[in-house]
PDB file of N, CA and C in Angstrom:
ATOM      1  N   UNK A   1     146.069  20.687 -17.779  1.00  0.00           N
ATOM      2  CA  UNK A   1     145.854  21.768 -18.727  1.00  0.00           C
ATOM      3  C   UNK A   1     144.879  22.769 -18.129  1.00  0.00           C
ATOM      4  N   UNK A   2     145.065  23.973 -18.491  1.00  0.00           N
ATOM      5  CA  UNK A   2     144.157  25.021 -18.018  1.00  0.00           C
ATOM      6  C   UNK A   2     142.784  24.847 -18.654  1.00  0.00           C
ATOM      7  N   UNK A   3     141.759  25.237 -17.896  1.00  0.00           N
ATOM      8  CA  UNK A   3     140.389  25.108 -18.390  1.00  0.00           C
ATOM      9  C   UNK A   3     140.183  25.824 -19.714  1.00  0.00           C
ATOM     10  N   UNK A   4     140.824  26.981 -19.904  1.00  0.00           N
ATOM     11  CA  UNK A   4     140.639  27.718 -21.157  1.00  0.00           C
ATOM     12  C   UNK A   4     141.177  26.930 -22.346  1.00  0.00           C
ATOM     13  N   UNK A   5     142.290  26.229 -22.159  1.00  0.00           N
ATOM     14  CA  UNK A   5     142.834  25.389 -23.238  1.00  0.00           C
ATOM     15  C   UNK A   5     141.899  24.228 -23.538  1.00  0.00           C
ATOM     16  N   UNK A   6     141.383  23.607 -22.488  1.00  0.00           N
ATOM     17  CA  UNK A   6     140.454  22.493 -22.678  1.00  0.00           C
ATOM     18  C   UNK A   6     139.178  22.960 -23.355  1.00  0.00           C
ATOM     19  N   UNK A   7     138.691  24.124 -22.968  1.00  0.00           N
ATOM     20  CA  UNK A   7     137.499  24.688 -23.597  1.00  0.00           C
ATOM     21  C   UNK A   7     137.753  24.918 -25.082  1.00  0.00           C
ATOM     22  N   UNK A   8     138.901  25.500 -25.412  1.00  0.00           N
ATOM     23  CA  UNK A   8     139.217  25.784 -26.812  1.00  0.00           C
ATOM     24  C   UNK A   8     139.321  24.499 -27.631  1.00  0.00           C
ATOM     25  N   UNK A   9     139.986  23.490 -27.107  1.00  0.00           N
ATOM     26  CA  UNK A   9     140.081  22.215 -27.824  1.00  0.00           C
ATOM     27  C   UNK A   9     138.698  21.612 -28.039  1.00  0.00           C
ATOM     28  N   UNK A  10     137.857  21.668 -27.012  1.00  0.00           N
ATOM     29  CA  UNK A  10     136.494  21.162 -27.140  1.00  0.00           C
ATOM     30  C   UNK A  10     135.696  21.908 -28.191  1.00  0.00           C
ATOM     31  N   UNK A  11     135.894  23.217 -28.272  1.00  0.00           N
ATOM     32  CA  UNK A  11     135.187  24.010 -29.283  1.00  0.00           C
ATOM     33  C   UNK A  11     135.665  23.675 -30.686  1.00  0.00           C
ATOM     34  N   UNK A  12     136.960  23.437 -30.853  1.00  0.00           N
ATOM     35  CA  UNK A  12     137.459  23.035 -32.172  1.00  0.00           C
ATOM     36  C   UNK A  12     136.761  21.759 -32.627  1.00  0.00           C
ATOM     37  N   UNK A  13     136.652  20.792 -31.712  1.00  0.00           N
ATOM     38  CA  UNK A  13     136.006  19.522 -32.053  1.00  0.00           C
ATOM     39  C   UNK A  13     134.519  19.737 -32.314  1.00  0.00           C
ATOM     40  N   UNK A  14     133.873  20.537 -31.479  1.00  0.00           N
ATOM     41  CA  UNK A  14     132.446  20.816 -31.666  1.00  0.00           C
ATOM     42  C   UNK A  14     132.187  21.476 -33.021  1.00  0.00           C
ATOM     43  N   UNK A  15     133.147  22.269 -33.497  1.00  0.00           N
ATOM     44  CA  UNK A  15     132.995  22.977 -34.780  1.00  0.00           C
ATOM     45  C   UNK A  15     133.428  22.137 -35.976  1.00  0.00           C
ATOM     46  N   UNK A  16     133.815  20.889 -35.741  1.00  0.00           N
ATOM     47  CA  UNK A  16     134.083  19.999 -36.862  1.00  0.00           C
ATOM     48  C   UNK A  16     135.478  19.430 -36.982  1.00  0.00           C
ATOM     49  N   UNK A  17     136.427  19.914 -36.195  1.00  0.00           N
ATOM     50  CA  UNK A  17     137.769  19.323 -36.234  1.00  0.00           C
ATOM     51  C   UNK A  17     137.726  17.951 -35.577  1.00  0.00           C
ATOM     52  N   UNK A  18     138.574  17.050 -36.034  1.00  0.00           N
ATOM     53  CA  UNK A  18     138.707  15.772 -35.344  1.00  0.00           C
ATOM     54  C   UNK A  18     139.517  16.005 -34.075  1.00  0.00           C
ATOM     55  N   UNK A  19     139.463  15.065 -33.165  1.00  0.00           N
ATOM     56  CA  UNK A  19     140.268  15.199 -31.951  1.00  0.00           C
ATOM     57  C   UNK A  19     141.751  15.225 -32.310  1.00  0.00           C
ATOM     58  N   UNK A  20     142.147  14.442 -33.297  1.00  0.00           N
ATOM     59  CA  UNK A  20     143.546  14.441 -33.743  1.00  0.00           C
ATOM     60  C   UNK A  20     143.941  15.819 -34.261  1.00  0.00           C
ATOM     61  N   UNK A  21     143.098  16.414 -35.081  1.00  0.00           N
ATOM     62  CA  UNK A  21     143.391  17.747 -35.624  1.00  0.00           C
ATOM     63  C   UNK A  21     143.501  18.788 -34.514  1.00  0.00           C
ATOM     64  N   UNK A  22     142.616  18.723 -33.539  1.00  0.00           N
ATOM     65  CA  UNK A  22     142.648  19.686 -32.434  1.00  0.00           C
ATOM     66  C   UNK A  22     143.926  19.537 -31.613  1.00  0.00           C
ATOM     67  N   UNK A  23     144.289  18.301 -31.281  1.00  0.00           N
ATOM     68  CA  UNK A  23     145.505  18.074 -30.503  1.00  0.00           C
ATOM     69  C   UNK A  23     146.752  18.468 -31.293  1.00  0.00           C
ATOM     70  N   UNK A  24     146.763  18.169 -32.574  1.00  0.00           N
ATOM     71  CA  UNK A  24     147.910  18.531 -33.404  1.00  0.00           C
ATOM     72  C   UNK A  24     148.032  20.051 -33.539  1.00  0.00           C
ATOM     73  N   UNK A  25     146.904  20.735 -33.644  1.00  0.00           N
ATOM     74  CA  UNK A  25     146.926  22.200 -33.734  1.00  0.00           C
ATOM     75  C   UNK A  25     147.501  22.815 -32.463  1.00  0.00           C
ATOM     76  N   UNK A  26     147.183  22.219 -31.316  1.00  0.00           N
ATOM     77  CA  UNK A  26     147.626  22.765 -30.035  1.00  0.00           C
ATOM     78  C   UNK A  26     149.071  22.403 -29.691  1.00  0.00           C
ATOM     79  N   UNK A  27     149.652  21.452 -30.405  1.00  0.00           N
ATOM     80  CA  UNK A  27     151.003  20.988 -30.077  1.00  0.00           C
ATOM     81  C   UNK A  27     151.948  21.206 -31.254  1.00  0.00           C
ATOM     82  N   UNK A  28     151.959  20.284 -32.175  1.00  0.00           N
ATOM     83  CA  UNK A  28     152.888  20.317 -33.313  1.00  0.00           C
ATOM     84  C   UNK A  28     152.739  21.581 -34.153  1.00  0.00           C
ATOM     85  N   UNK A  29     151.519  21.883 -34.563  1.00  0.00           N
ATOM     86  CA  UNK A  29     151.305  23.044 -35.433  1.00  0.00           C
ATOM     87  C   UNK A  29     151.642  24.351 -34.718  1.00  0.00           C
ATOM     88  N   UNK A  30     151.288  24.448 -33.437  1.00  0.00           N
ATOM     89  CA  UNK A  30     151.596  25.663 -32.674  1.00  0.00           C
ATOM     90  C   UNK A  30     153.107  25.857 -32.554  1.00  0.00           C
ATOM     91  N   UNK A  31     153.841  24.780 -32.297  1.00  0.00           N
ATOM     92  CA  UNK A  31     155.299  24.881 -32.195  1.00  0.00           C
ATOM     93  C   UNK A  31     155.906  25.315 -33.525  1.00  0.00           C
ATOM     94  N   UNK A  32     155.410  24.743 -34.612  1.00  0.00           N
ATOM     95  CA  UNK A  32     155.922  25.123 -35.929  1.00  0.00           C
ATOM     96  C   UNK A  32     155.623  26.585 -36.231  1.00  0.00           C
ATOM     97  N   UNK A  33     154.422  27.032 -35.922  1.00  0.00           N
ATOM     98  CA  UNK A  33     154.034  28.419 -36.164  1.00  0.00           C
ATOM     99  C   UNK A  33     154.913  29.397 -35.377  1.00  0.00           C
ATOM    100  N   UNK A  34     155.301  28.996 -34.177  1.00  0.00           N
ATOM    101  CA  UNK A  34     156.147  29.850 -33.332  1.00  0.00           C
ATOM    102  C   UNK A  34     157.638  29.712 -33.660  1.00  0.00           C
ATOM    103  N   UNK A  35     157.965  28.868 -34.626  1.00  0.00           N
ATOM    104  CA  UNK A  35     159.354  28.709 -35.032  1.00  0.00           C
ATOM    105  C   UNK A  35     160.194  27.824 -34.135  1.00  0.00           C
ATOM    106  N   UNK A  36     159.548  27.021 -33.292  1.00  0.00           N
ATOM    107  CA  UNK A  36     160.281  26.133 -32.391  1.00  0.00           C
ATOM    108  C   UNK A  36     159.990  24.660 -32.673  1.00  0.00           C
ATOM    109  N   UNK A  37     159.485  24.368 -33.860  1.00  0.00           N
ATOM    110  CA  UNK A  37     159.171  22.994 -34.235  1.00  0.00           C
ATOM    111  C   UNK A  37     160.320  22.013 -34.101  1.00  0.00           C
ATOM    112  N   UNK A  38     161.569  22.426 -34.410  1.00  0.00           N
ATOM    113  CA  UNK A  38     162.675  21.480 -34.249  1.00  0.00           C
ATOM    114  C   UNK A  38     162.941  21.080 -32.788  1.00  0.00           C
ATOM    115  N   UNK A  39     162.493  21.888 -31.834  1.00  0.00           N
ATOM    116  CA  UNK A  39     162.750  21.603 -30.419  1.00  0.00           C
ATOM    117  C   UNK A  39     161.520  21.133 -29.652  1.00  0.00           C
ATOM    118  N   UNK A  40     160.330  21.550 -30.082  1.00  0.00           N
ATOM    119  CA  UNK A  40     159.101  21.310 -29.313  1.00  0.00           C
ATOM    120  C   UNK A  40     157.967  20.843 -30.219  1.00  0.00           C
ATOM    121  N   UNK A  41     156.884  20.420 -29.600  1.00  0.00           N
ATOM    122  CA  UNK A  41     155.646  20.171 -30.328  1.00  0.00           C
ATOM    123  C   UNK A  41     155.307  18.722 -30.574  1.00  0.00           C
ATOM    124  N   UNK A  42     156.311  17.850 -30.545  1.00  0.00           N
ATOM    125  CA  UNK A  42     156.076  16.414 -30.711  1.00  0.00           C
ATOM    126  C   UNK A  42     156.986  15.670 -29.741  1.00  0.00           C
ATOM    127  N   UNK A  43     156.651  14.431 -29.467  1.00  0.00           N
ATOM    128  CA  UNK A  43     157.481  13.607 -28.591  1.00  0.00           C
ATOM    129  C   UNK A  43     158.385  12.768 -29.489  1.00  0.00           C
ATOM    130  N   UNK A  44     159.656  13.137 -29.529  1.00  0.00           N
ATOM    131  CA  UNK A  44     160.652  12.443 -30.346  1.00  0.00           C
ATOM    132  C   UNK A  44     162.008  12.554 -29.659  1.00  0.00           C
ATOM    133  N   UNK A  45     162.921  11.630 -29.975  1.00  0.00           N
ATOM    134  CA  UNK A  45     164.270  11.737 -29.419  1.00  0.00           C
ATOM    135  C   UNK A  45     164.899  13.090 -29.766  1.00  0.00           C
ATOM    136  N   UNK A  46     165.524  13.706 -28.774  1.00  0.00           N
ATOM    137  CA  UNK A  46     166.210  14.964 -28.977  1.00  0.00           C
ATOM    138  C   UNK A  46     165.356  16.204 -28.776  1.00  0.00           C
ATOM    139  N   UNK A  47     164.053  16.036 -28.605  1.00  0.00           N
ATOM    140  CA  UNK A  47     163.175  17.186 -28.388  1.00  0.00           C
ATOM    141  C   UNK A  47     162.859  17.332 -26.900  1.00  0.00           C
ATOM    142  N   UNK A  48     162.561  18.566 -26.502  1.00  0.00           N
ATOM    143  CA  UNK A  48     162.098  18.835 -25.146  1.00  0.00           C
ATOM    144  C   UNK A  48     160.610  18.528 -25.086  1.00  0.00           C
ATOM    145  N   UNK A  49     160.156  17.984 -23.967  1.00  0.00           N
ATOM    146  CA  UNK A  49     158.731  17.680 -23.863  1.00  0.00           C
ATOM    147  C   UNK A  49     158.286  17.687 -22.409  1.00  0.00           C
ATOM    148  N   UNK A  50     157.236  18.425 -22.139  1.00  0.00           N
ATOM    149  CA  UNK A  50     156.492  18.283 -20.899  1.00  0.00           C
ATOM    150  C   UNK A  50     155.292  17.428 -21.274  1.00  0.00           C
ATOM    151  N   UNK A  51     154.905  16.522 -20.404  1.00  0.00           N
ATOM    152  CA  UNK A  51     153.857  15.562 -20.737  1.00  0.00           C
ATOM    153  C   UNK A  51     152.755  15.558 -19.694  1.00  0.00           C
ATOM    154  N   UNK A  52     151.562  15.197 -20.146  1.00  0.00           N
ATOM    155  CA  UNK A  52     150.479  14.883 -19.224  1.00  0.00           C
ATOM    156  C   UNK A  52     150.070  13.438 -19.481  1.00  0.00           C
ATOM    157  N   UNK A  53     149.608  12.787 -18.440  1.00  0.00           N
ATOM    158  CA  UNK A  53     149.096  11.427 -18.543  1.00  0.00           C
ATOM    159  C   UNK A  53     147.648  11.476 -18.106  1.00  0.00           C
ATOM    160  N   UNK A  54     146.765  10.955 -18.948  1.00  0.00           N
ATOM    161  CA  UNK A  54     145.337  10.945 -18.651  1.00  0.00           C
ATOM    162  C   UNK A  54     144.838   9.510 -18.576  1.00  0.00           C
ATOM    163  N   UNK A  55     143.673   9.324 -17.967  1.00  0.00           N
ATOM    164  CA  UNK A  55     143.119   7.994 -17.752  1.00  0.00           C
ATOM    165  C   UNK A  55     142.672   7.331 -19.047  1.00  0.00           C
ATOM    166  N   UNK A  56     142.005   8.084 -19.899  1.00  0.00           N
ATOM    167  CA  UNK A  56     141.448   7.538 -21.140  1.00  0.00           C
ATOM    168  C   UNK A  56     142.046   8.258 -22.343  1.00  0.00           C
ATOM    169  N   UNK A  57     141.916   7.651 -23.500  1.00  0.00           N
ATOM    170  CA  UNK A  57     142.472   8.170 -24.746  1.00  0.00           C
ATOM    171  C   UNK A  57     141.759   9.451 -25.186  1.00  0.00           C
ATOM    172  N   UNK A  58     142.464  10.577 -25.276  1.00  0.00           N
ATOM    173  CA  UNK A  58     141.822  11.815 -25.729  1.00  0.00           C
ATOM    174  C   UNK A  58     141.438  11.790 -27.209  1.00  0.00           C
ATOM    175  N   UNK A  59     141.999  10.872 -27.981  1.00  0.00           N
ATOM    176  CA  UNK A  59     141.577  10.754 -29.379  1.00  0.00           C
ATOM    177  C   UNK A  59     140.160  10.195 -29.478  1.00  0.00           C
ATOM    178  N   UNK A  60     139.748   9.424 -28.481  1.00  0.00           N
ATOM    179  CA  UNK A  60     138.386   8.884 -28.454  1.00  0.00           C
ATOM    180  C   UNK A  60     137.383   9.957 -28.059  1.00  0.00           C
ATOM    181  N   UNK A  61     137.795  10.854 -27.145  1.00  0.00           N
ATOM    182  CA  UNK A  61     136.926  11.942 -26.675  1.00  0.00           C
ATOM    183  C   UNK A  61     137.830  13.025 -26.101  1.00  0.00           C
ATOM    184  N   UNK A  62     137.790  14.206 -26.674  1.00  0.00           N
ATOM    185  CA  UNK A  62     138.671  15.296 -26.251  1.00  0.00           C
ATOM    186  C   UNK A  62     138.480  15.632 -24.770  1.00  0.00           C
ATOM    187  N   UNK A  63     137.295  15.365 -24.227  1.00  0.00           N
ATOM    188  CA  UNK A  63     137.031  15.626 -22.805  1.00  0.00           C
ATOM    189  C   UNK A  63     137.857  14.725 -21.894  1.00  0.00           C
ATOM    190  N   UNK A  64     138.418  13.641 -22.440  1.00  0.00           N
ATOM    191  CA  UNK A  64     139.275  12.769 -21.635  1.00  0.00           C
ATOM    192  C   UNK A  64     140.528  13.487 -21.141  1.00  0.00           C
ATOM    193  N   UNK A  65     140.864  14.626 -21.742  1.00  0.00           N
ATOM    194  CA  UNK A  65     141.995  15.415 -21.246  1.00  0.00           C
ATOM    195  C   UNK A  65     141.740  15.934 -19.838  1.00  0.00           C
ATOM    196  N   UNK A  66     140.495  15.955 -19.422  1.00  0.00           N
ATOM    197  CA  UNK A  66     140.151  16.417 -18.071  1.00  0.00           C
ATOM    198  C   UNK A  66     140.448  15.356 -17.007  1.00  0.00           C
ATOM    199  N   UNK A  67     140.732  14.126 -17.420  1.00  0.00           N
ATOM    200  CA  UNK A  67     141.011  13.028 -16.487  1.00  0.00           C
ATOM    201  C   UNK A  67     142.512  12.941 -16.209  1.00  0.00           C
ATOM    202  N   UNK A  68     143.071  14.038 -15.769  1.00  0.00           N
ATOM    203  CA  UNK A  68     144.507  14.178 -15.563  1.00  0.00           C
ATOM    204  C   UNK A  68     144.998  13.280 -14.433  1.00  0.00           C
ATOM    205  N   UNK A  69     146.052  12.522 -14.708  1.00  0.00           N
ATOM    206  CA  UNK A  69     146.658  11.658 -13.704  1.00  0.00           C
ATOM    207  C   UNK A  69     148.039  12.151 -13.278  1.00  0.00           C
ATOM    208  N   UNK A  70     148.878  12.504 -14.271  1.00  0.00           N
ATOM    209  CA  UNK A  70     150.240  12.958 -13.981  1.00  0.00           C
ATOM    210  C   UNK A  70     150.597  14.146 -14.857  1.00  0.00           C
ATOM    211  N   UNK A  71     151.438  15.018 -14.321  1.00  0.00           N
ATOM    212  CA  UNK A  71     152.062  16.081 -15.104  1.00  0.00           C
ATOM    213  C   UNK A  71     153.565  15.907 -14.935  1.00  0.00           C
ATOM    214  N   UNK A  72     154.262  15.796 -16.059  1.00  0.00           N
ATOM    215  CA  UNK A  72     155.710  15.618 -16.057  1.00  0.00           C
ATOM    216  C   UNK A  72     156.319  16.836 -16.736  1.00  0.00           C
ATOM    217  N   UNK A  73     157.152  17.551 -16.006  1.00  0.00           N
ATOM    218  CA  UNK A  73     157.779  18.776 -16.514  1.00  0.00           C
ATOM    219  C   UNK A  73     159.283  18.669 -16.309  1.00  0.00           C
ATOM    220  N   UNK A  74     160.021  18.873 -17.384  1.00  0.00           N
ATOM    221  CA  UNK A  74     161.481  18.785 -17.338  1.00  0.00           C
ATOM    222  C   UNK A  74     161.942  17.475 -16.707  1.00  0.00           C
ATOM    223  N   UNK A  75     161.238  16.388 -17.030  1.00  0.00           N
ATOM    224  CA  UNK A  75     161.619  15.064 -16.568  1.00  0.00           C
ATOM    225  C   UNK A  75     161.201  14.719 -15.155  1.00  0.00           C
ATOM    226  N   UNK A  76     160.503  15.607 -14.471  1.00  0.00           N
ATOM    227  CA  UNK A  76     160.084  15.377 -13.088  1.00  0.00           C
ATOM    228  C   UNK A  76     158.564  15.382 -12.980  1.00  0.00           C
ATOM    229  N   UNK A  77     158.028  14.474 -12.182  1.00  0.00           N
ATOM    230  CA  UNK A  77     156.593  14.488 -11.908  1.00  0.00           C
ATOM    231  C   UNK A  77     156.317  15.687 -11.010  1.00  0.00           C
ATOM    232  N   UNK A  78     155.491  16.611 -11.489  1.00  0.00           N
ATOM    233  CA  UNK A  78     155.176  17.808 -10.703  1.00  0.00           C
ATOM    234  C   UNK A  78     153.749  17.777 -10.164  1.00  0.00           C
ATOM    235  N   UNK A  79     152.928  16.871 -10.672  1.00  0.00           N
ATOM    236  CA  UNK A  79     151.573  16.687 -10.137  1.00  0.00           C
ATOM    237  C   UNK A  79     151.195  15.227 -10.323  1.00  0.00           C
ATOM    238  N   UNK A  80     150.708  14.618  -9.267  1.00  0.00           N
ATOM    239  CA  UNK A  80     150.316  13.210  -9.298  1.00  0.00           C
ATOM    240  C   UNK A  80     148.911  13.099  -8.714  1.00  0.00           C
ATOM    241  N   UNK A  81     147.947  12.809  -9.568  1.00  0.00           N
ATOM    242  CA  UNK A  81     146.549  12.710  -9.146  1.00  0.00           C
ATOM    243  C   UNK A  81     146.045  11.266  -9.166  1.00  0.00           C
ATOM    244  N   UNK A  82     146.983  10.314  -9.238  1.00  0.00           N
ATOM    245  CA  UNK A  82     146.567   8.907  -9.209  1.00  0.00           C
ATOM    246  C   UNK A  82     146.038   8.575  -7.827  1.00  0.00           C
ATOM    247  N   UNK A  83     145.134   7.634  -7.793  1.00  0.00           N
ATOM    248  CA  UNK A  83     144.556   7.237  -6.506  1.00  0.00           C
ATOM    249  C   UNK A  83     145.372   6.148  -5.880  1.00  0.00           C
TER     250      UNK A  83
END
């Protein structure tokens, strides 16, 4: 994720949102607001999804999103930071 996105998510949490609320706002809610909720925004059968894999649970600490391990785009690993 871009630093600006991570900064914004961190600020949402710092201002009182839960990590779940911040992540949902950046994914599901954003897709719904843009009118693409049926195709994007959540990981479900039949939806398109680009994914990131991180070392630790971002629900425990939003900063865990900075521990990026894999980026999967259109079904292909496009970045692999595993050791």
